[in-house]
Amino acid sequence: MPGKERPIPGTTIFDGTQARKGYALNKMCYSFNDAANREAFLRDEDAYCRRYGLNEAQREAIRRRDVLAMIAAGGNVYYLAKFAGIFGLDVQDIGAQQTGMTKEAFKARLVAAGR
């Protein structure tokens, strides 16, 4: 039915509540557009996270490099891609995390699906 949202099991919908919840995290990730900010983050992650006021759940997700936990903590995947890029992760790495697969298995699945 058009206009009626159906929940997708295991999916965090980025809505207004999530946007407010993740504001600090997303603002921090947006800052990574600047190379100097990426370097500052790499020098002292905790200080950089404190600078943006990340809460403990967000900071723990950052420490673990856990993109799914960042999404649950209000992260928007488009901003999180900036964070992932610092560590050489790409969208296939994120897709593998989301599906619980290895990156190689995820890539094989995409090839099999013709993508």
N, C-alpha and C. Protein backbone atom coordinates (compact mmCIF):
# COMPACT_ATOMS: atom_id res chain seq x y z
N MET A 1 0.84 -1.17 0.00
CA MET A 1 0.00 0.00 0.00
C MET A 1 0.89 1.25 0.00
N PRO A 2 0.76 2.13 -1.00
CA PRO A 2 1.59 3.33 -1.06
C PRO A 2 1.40 4.20 0.19
N GLY A 3 2.54 4.75 0.64
CA GLY A 3 2.49 5.65 1.78
C GLY A 3 2.50 4.95 3.13
N LYS A 4 2.32 3.64 3.13
CA LYS A 4 2.32 2.91 4.40
C LYS A 4 3.66 2.21 4.55
N GLU A 5 4.37 2.55 5.64
CA GLU A 5 5.67 1.95 5.87
C GLU A 5 5.53 0.57 6.47
N ARG A 6 6.31 -0.35 5.95
CA ARG A 6 6.38 -1.69 6.52
C ARG A 6 7.75 -1.87 7.12
N PRO A 7 7.83 -2.36 8.34
CA PRO A 7 9.15 -2.55 8.95
C PRO A 7 9.94 -3.64 8.22
N ILE A 8 11.23 -3.42 8.16
CA ILE A 8 12.14 -4.39 7.58
C ILE A 8 12.92 -4.98 8.76
N PRO A 9 12.73 -6.25 9.05
CA PRO A 9 13.41 -6.85 10.22
C PRO A 9 14.91 -6.60 10.20
N GLY A 10 15.43 -6.16 11.36
CA GLY A 10 16.86 -5.94 11.49
C GLY A 10 17.36 -4.64 10.90
N THR A 11 16.46 -3.79 10.42
CA THR A 11 16.86 -2.55 9.79
C THR A 11 16.53 -1.36 10.69
N THR A 12 17.50 -0.50 10.89
CA THR A 12 17.29 0.74 11.62
C THR A 12 16.89 1.80 10.61
N ILE A 13 15.71 2.34 10.75
CA ILE A 13 15.22 3.38 9.85
C ILE A 13 15.76 4.73 10.33
N PHE A 14 16.39 5.47 9.44
CA PHE A 14 16.91 6.79 9.80
C PHE A 14 15.79 7.79 9.66
N ASP A 15 15.19 8.12 10.80
CA ASP A 15 14.09 9.07 10.84
C ASP A 15 14.49 10.25 11.72
N GLY A 16 13.53 11.10 12.05
CA GLY A 16 13.82 12.27 12.86
C GLY A 16 14.40 11.92 14.22
N THR A 17 13.90 10.87 14.84
CA THR A 17 14.40 10.44 16.14
C THR A 17 15.86 10.01 16.03
N GLN A 18 16.16 9.21 15.02
CA GLN A 18 17.55 8.77 14.81
C GLN A 18 18.45 9.95 14.47
N ALA A 19 17.94 10.89 13.70
CA ALA A 19 18.73 12.05 13.32
C ALA A 19 19.13 12.86 14.56
N ARG A 20 18.17 13.05 15.46
CA ARG A 20 18.49 13.78 16.70
C ARG A 20 19.47 12.98 17.56
N LYS A 21 19.23 11.69 17.65
CA LYS A 21 20.08 10.80 18.45
C LYS A 21 21.52 10.82 17.94
N GLY A 22 21.70 10.86 16.64
CA GLY A 22 23.02 10.76 16.04
C GLY A 22 23.65 12.06 15.60
N TYR A 23 23.05 13.19 16.00
CA TYR A 23 23.54 14.48 15.51
C TYR A 23 25.04 14.65 15.73
N ALA A 24 25.52 14.42 16.94
CA ALA A 24 26.94 14.62 17.24
C ALA A 24 27.82 13.69 16.42
N LEU A 25 27.42 12.43 16.31
CA LEU A 25 28.19 11.45 15.54
C LEU A 25 28.25 11.85 14.07
N ASN A 26 27.12 12.23 13.50
CA ASN A 26 27.08 12.61 12.10
C ASN A 26 27.86 13.90 11.84
N LYS A 27 27.77 14.84 12.79
CA LYS A 27 28.53 16.08 12.66
C LYS A 27 30.03 15.78 12.66
N MET A 28 30.44 14.89 13.56
CA MET A 28 31.85 14.52 13.60
C MET A 28 32.28 13.87 12.28
N CYS A 29 31.49 12.92 11.79
CA CYS A 29 31.85 12.24 10.54
C CYS A 29 31.89 13.22 9.37
N TYR A 30 30.99 14.20 9.36
CA TYR A 30 31.01 15.22 8.31
C TYR A 30 32.32 16.01 8.35
N SER A 31 32.86 16.20 9.55
CA SER A 31 34.10 16.96 9.68
C SER A 31 35.26 16.28 8.95
N PHE A 32 35.13 14.98 8.68
CA PHE A 32 36.19 14.25 8.02
C PHE A 32 36.35 14.60 6.55
N ASN A 33 35.52 15.51 6.05
CA ASN A 33 35.74 16.03 4.70
C ASN A 33 37.06 16.78 4.63
N ASP A 34 37.54 17.25 5.76
CA ASP A 34 38.79 18.02 5.85
C ASP A 34 39.92 17.08 6.29
N ALA A 35 40.97 17.02 5.50
CA ALA A 35 42.10 16.13 5.79
C ALA A 35 42.71 16.41 7.16
N ALA A 36 42.77 17.66 7.56
CA ALA A 36 43.33 18.00 8.88
C ALA A 36 42.50 17.37 10.00
N ASN A 37 41.20 17.30 9.83
CA ASN A 37 40.34 16.68 10.84
C ASN A 37 40.54 15.17 10.87
N ARG A 38 40.73 14.55 9.72
CA ARG A 38 41.00 13.11 9.70
C ARG A 38 42.30 12.82 10.44
N GLU A 39 43.30 13.66 10.21
CA GLU A 39 44.59 13.48 10.89
C GLU A 39 44.45 13.69 12.40
N ALA A 40 43.67 14.68 12.81
CA ALA A 40 43.46 14.94 14.24
C ALA A 40 42.76 13.76 14.89
N PHE A 41 41.80 13.18 14.19
CA PHE A 41 41.09 12.01 14.71
C PHE A 41 42.07 10.85 14.90
N LEU A 42 42.90 10.61 13.91
CA LEU A 42 43.85 9.50 13.99
C LEU A 42 44.89 9.70 15.08
N ARG A 43 45.24 10.95 15.37
CA ARG A 43 46.20 11.24 16.43
C ARG A 43 45.62 10.92 17.81
N ASP A 44 44.34 11.25 18.03
CA ASP A 44 43.73 11.04 19.34
C ASP A 44 42.22 10.90 19.19
N GLU A 45 41.80 9.67 18.93
CA GLU A 45 40.37 9.39 18.69
C GLU A 45 39.49 9.84 19.84
N ASP A 46 39.87 9.49 21.06
CA ASP A 46 39.03 9.83 22.21
C ASP A 46 38.84 11.33 22.35
N ALA A 47 39.92 12.08 22.21
CA ALA A 47 39.82 13.53 22.32
C ALA A 47 38.92 14.08 21.21
N TYR A 48 39.05 13.54 20.02
CA TYR A 48 38.24 14.02 18.90
C TYR A 48 36.76 13.71 19.15
N CYS A 49 36.47 12.52 19.66
CA CYS A 49 35.07 12.16 19.97
C CYS A 49 34.51 13.06 21.08
N ARG A 50 35.33 13.36 22.09
CA ARG A 50 34.89 14.25 23.17
C ARG A 50 34.60 15.64 22.62
N ARG A 51 35.44 16.09 21.70
CA ARG A 51 35.26 17.41 21.08
C ARG A 51 33.86 17.56 20.48
N TYR A 52 33.34 16.47 19.93
CA TYR A 52 32.02 16.50 19.30
C TYR A 52 30.90 16.04 20.23
N GLY A 53 31.23 15.65 21.44
CA GLY A 53 30.21 15.29 22.42
C GLY A 53 29.54 13.95 22.18
N LEU A 54 30.27 12.99 21.61
CA LEU A 54 29.69 11.67 21.39
C LEU A 54 29.38 11.00 22.73
N ASN A 55 28.27 10.28 22.76
CA ASN A 55 27.92 9.54 23.98
C ASN A 55 28.71 8.23 24.02
N GLU A 56 28.59 7.52 25.12
CA GLU A 56 29.42 6.31 25.32
C GLU A 56 29.11 5.23 24.27
N ALA A 57 27.84 5.04 23.91
CA ALA A 57 27.50 4.03 22.89
C ALA A 57 28.15 4.38 21.55
N GLN A 58 28.13 5.64 21.19
CA GLN A 58 28.75 6.08 19.94
C GLN A 58 30.27 5.92 20.00
N ARG A 59 30.86 6.27 21.14
CA ARG A 59 32.30 6.15 21.28
C ARG A 59 32.75 4.69 21.25
N GLU A 60 31.98 3.82 21.87
CA GLU A 60 32.31 2.38 21.84
C GLU A 60 32.20 1.83 20.42
N ALA A 61 31.18 2.24 19.68
CA ALA A 61 31.03 1.80 18.29
C ALA A 61 32.21 2.27 17.45
N ILE A 62 32.67 3.49 17.69
CA ILE A 62 33.84 4.03 16.99
C ILE A 62 35.07 3.18 17.32
N ARG A 63 35.28 2.90 18.61
CA ARG A 63 36.44 2.10 19.02
C ARG A 63 36.44 0.73 18.35
N ARG A 64 35.25 0.12 18.21
CA ARG A 64 35.14 -1.23 17.62
C ARG A 64 35.08 -1.20 16.09
N ARG A 65 34.98 0.02 15.52
CA ARG A 65 34.81 0.16 14.06
C ARG A 65 33.55 -0.57 13.60
N ASP A 66 32.52 -0.53 14.44
CA ASP A 66 31.28 -1.27 14.22
C ASP A 66 30.24 -0.35 13.60
N VAL A 67 30.15 -0.37 12.27
CA VAL A 67 29.25 0.52 11.55
C VAL A 67 27.80 0.25 11.93
N LEU A 68 27.42 -1.00 12.14
CA LEU A 68 26.02 -1.30 12.52
C LEU A 68 25.68 -0.67 13.86
N ALA A 69 26.61 -0.72 14.80
CA ALA A 69 26.37 -0.08 16.11
C ALA A 69 26.30 1.43 15.95
N MET A 70 27.07 1.98 15.03
CA MET A 70 27.01 3.42 14.78
C MET A 70 25.65 3.80 14.20
N ILE A 71 25.12 2.97 13.31
CA ILE A 71 23.80 3.21 12.75
C ILE A 71 22.75 3.15 13.86
N ALA A 72 22.85 2.14 14.72
CA ALA A 72 21.91 2.01 15.84
C ALA A 72 22.01 3.22 16.78
N ALA A 73 23.21 3.82 16.85
CA ALA A 73 23.44 4.98 17.72
C ALA A 73 23.09 6.30 17.03
N GLY A 74 22.43 6.21 15.88
CA GLY A 74 21.96 7.41 15.19
C GLY A 74 22.78 7.83 13.99
N GLY A 75 23.78 7.03 13.64
CA GLY A 75 24.61 7.37 12.49
C GLY A 75 23.87 7.22 11.18
N ASN A 76 24.15 8.14 10.27
CA ASN A 76 23.61 8.08 8.92
C ASN A 76 24.70 7.48 8.03
N VAL A 77 24.34 6.48 7.26
CA VAL A 77 25.34 5.74 6.48
C VAL A 77 26.15 6.66 5.56
N TYR A 78 25.56 7.73 5.07
CA TYR A 78 26.29 8.63 4.17
C TYR A 78 27.41 9.36 4.91
N TYR A 79 27.16 9.73 6.16
CA TYR A 79 28.20 10.37 6.96
C TYR A 79 29.19 9.32 7.47
N LEU A 80 28.69 8.14 7.82
CA LEU A 80 29.56 7.08 8.32
C LEU A 80 30.56 6.63 7.26
N ALA A 81 30.22 6.79 6.00
CA ALA A 81 31.15 6.43 4.93
C ALA A 81 32.42 7.27 5.03
N LYS A 82 32.29 8.50 5.52
CA LYS A 82 33.48 9.35 5.73
C LYS A 82 34.39 8.72 6.78
N PHE A 83 33.79 8.22 7.85
CA PHE A 83 34.54 7.56 8.91
C PHE A 83 35.20 6.29 8.36
N ALA A 84 34.42 5.48 7.67
CA ALA A 84 34.92 4.21 7.15
C ALA A 84 36.10 4.43 6.20
N GLY A 85 36.04 5.50 5.43
CA GLY A 85 37.10 5.79 4.47
C GLY A 85 38.45 6.05 5.13
N ILE A 86 38.44 6.55 6.35
CA ILE A 86 39.70 6.80 7.07
C ILE A 86 40.47 5.50 7.23
N PHE A 87 39.75 4.41 7.38
CA PHE A 87 40.38 3.12 7.64
C PHE A 87 40.42 2.23 6.40
N GLY A 88 40.17 2.83 5.24
CA GLY A 88 40.25 2.08 4.00
C GLY A 88 39.08 1.13 3.78
N LEU A 89 37.98 1.35 4.51
CA LEU A 89 36.79 0.51 4.33
C LEU A 89 35.93 1.11 3.24
N ASP A 90 35.27 0.26 2.47
CA ASP A 90 34.39 0.74 1.42
C ASP A 90 32.98 0.22 1.65
N VAL A 91 32.07 0.51 0.73
CA VAL A 91 30.68 0.12 0.92
C VAL A 91 30.51 -1.40 0.94
N GLN A 92 31.43 -2.12 0.31
CA GLN A 92 31.34 -3.58 0.38
C GLN A 92 31.69 -4.08 1.78
N ASP A 93 32.62 -3.42 2.45
CA ASP A 93 32.93 -3.75 3.84
C ASP A 93 31.69 -3.51 4.72
N ILE A 94 31.03 -2.38 4.49
CA ILE A 94 29.84 -2.04 5.27
C ILE A 94 28.73 -3.04 4.96
N GLY A 95 28.54 -3.37 3.68
CA GLY A 95 27.52 -4.36 3.30
C GLY A 95 27.79 -5.71 3.94
N ALA A 96 29.05 -6.10 4.00
CA ALA A 96 29.40 -7.37 4.64
C ALA A 96 29.04 -7.34 6.11
N GLN A 97 29.32 -6.22 6.79
CA GLN A 97 28.93 -6.09 8.20
C GLN A 97 27.43 -6.20 8.36
N GLN A 98 26.68 -5.53 7.48
CA GLN A 98 25.23 -5.52 7.59
C GLN A 98 24.62 -6.90 7.38
N THR A 99 25.26 -7.72 6.57
CA THR A 99 24.71 -9.05 6.28
C THR A 99 25.35 -10.15 7.12
N GLY A 100 26.36 -9.78 7.90
CA GLY A 100 27.04 -10.78 8.72
C GLY A 100 27.91 -11.73 7.91
N MET A 101 28.35 -11.26 6.75
CA MET A 101 29.18 -12.09 5.87
C MET A 101 30.61 -11.54 5.84
N THR A 102 31.51 -12.35 5.31
CA THR A 102 32.83 -11.83 5.03
C THR A 102 32.70 -10.93 3.80
N LYS A 103 33.68 -10.08 3.60
CA LYS A 103 33.65 -9.22 2.42
C LYS A 103 33.68 -10.05 1.14
N GLU A 104 34.48 -11.11 1.14
CA GLU A 104 34.57 -11.96 -0.05
C GLU A 104 33.23 -12.62 -0.35
N ALA A 105 32.55 -13.12 0.68
CA ALA A 105 31.24 -13.76 0.48
C ALA A 105 30.22 -12.73 0.01
N PHE A 106 30.28 -11.52 0.56
CA PHE A 106 29.36 -10.47 0.16
C PHE A 106 29.57 -10.10 -1.31
N LYS A 107 30.85 -9.96 -1.72
CA LYS A 107 31.15 -9.64 -3.12
C LYS A 107 30.65 -10.75 -4.04
N ALA A 108 30.84 -12.00 -3.63
CA ALA A 108 30.37 -13.13 -4.45
C ALA A 108 28.85 -13.09 -4.58
N ARG A 109 28.18 -12.71 -3.51
CA ARG A 109 26.72 -12.61 -3.54
C ARG A 109 26.28 -11.53 -4.53
N LEU A 110 26.98 -10.39 -4.53
CA LEU A 110 26.65 -9.32 -5.46
C LEU A 110 26.87 -9.78 -6.90
N VAL A 111 27.97 -10.46 -7.16
CA VAL A 111 28.25 -10.94 -8.51
C VAL A 111 27.17 -11.93 -8.94
N ALA A 112 26.79 -12.84 -8.05
CA ALA A 112 25.75 -13.81 -8.37
C ALA A 112 24.41 -13.16 -8.65
N ALA A 113 24.17 -12.01 -8.01
CA ALA A 113 22.92 -11.29 -8.22
C ALA A 113 22.98 -10.37 -9.43
N GLY A 114 24.16 -10.30 -10.07
CA GLY A 114 24.31 -9.49 -11.27
C GLY A 114 24.54 -8.02 -11.00
N ARG A 115 25.08 -7.67 -9.82
CA ARG A 115 25.32 -6.25 -9.50
C ARG A 115 26.77 -5.94 -9.56
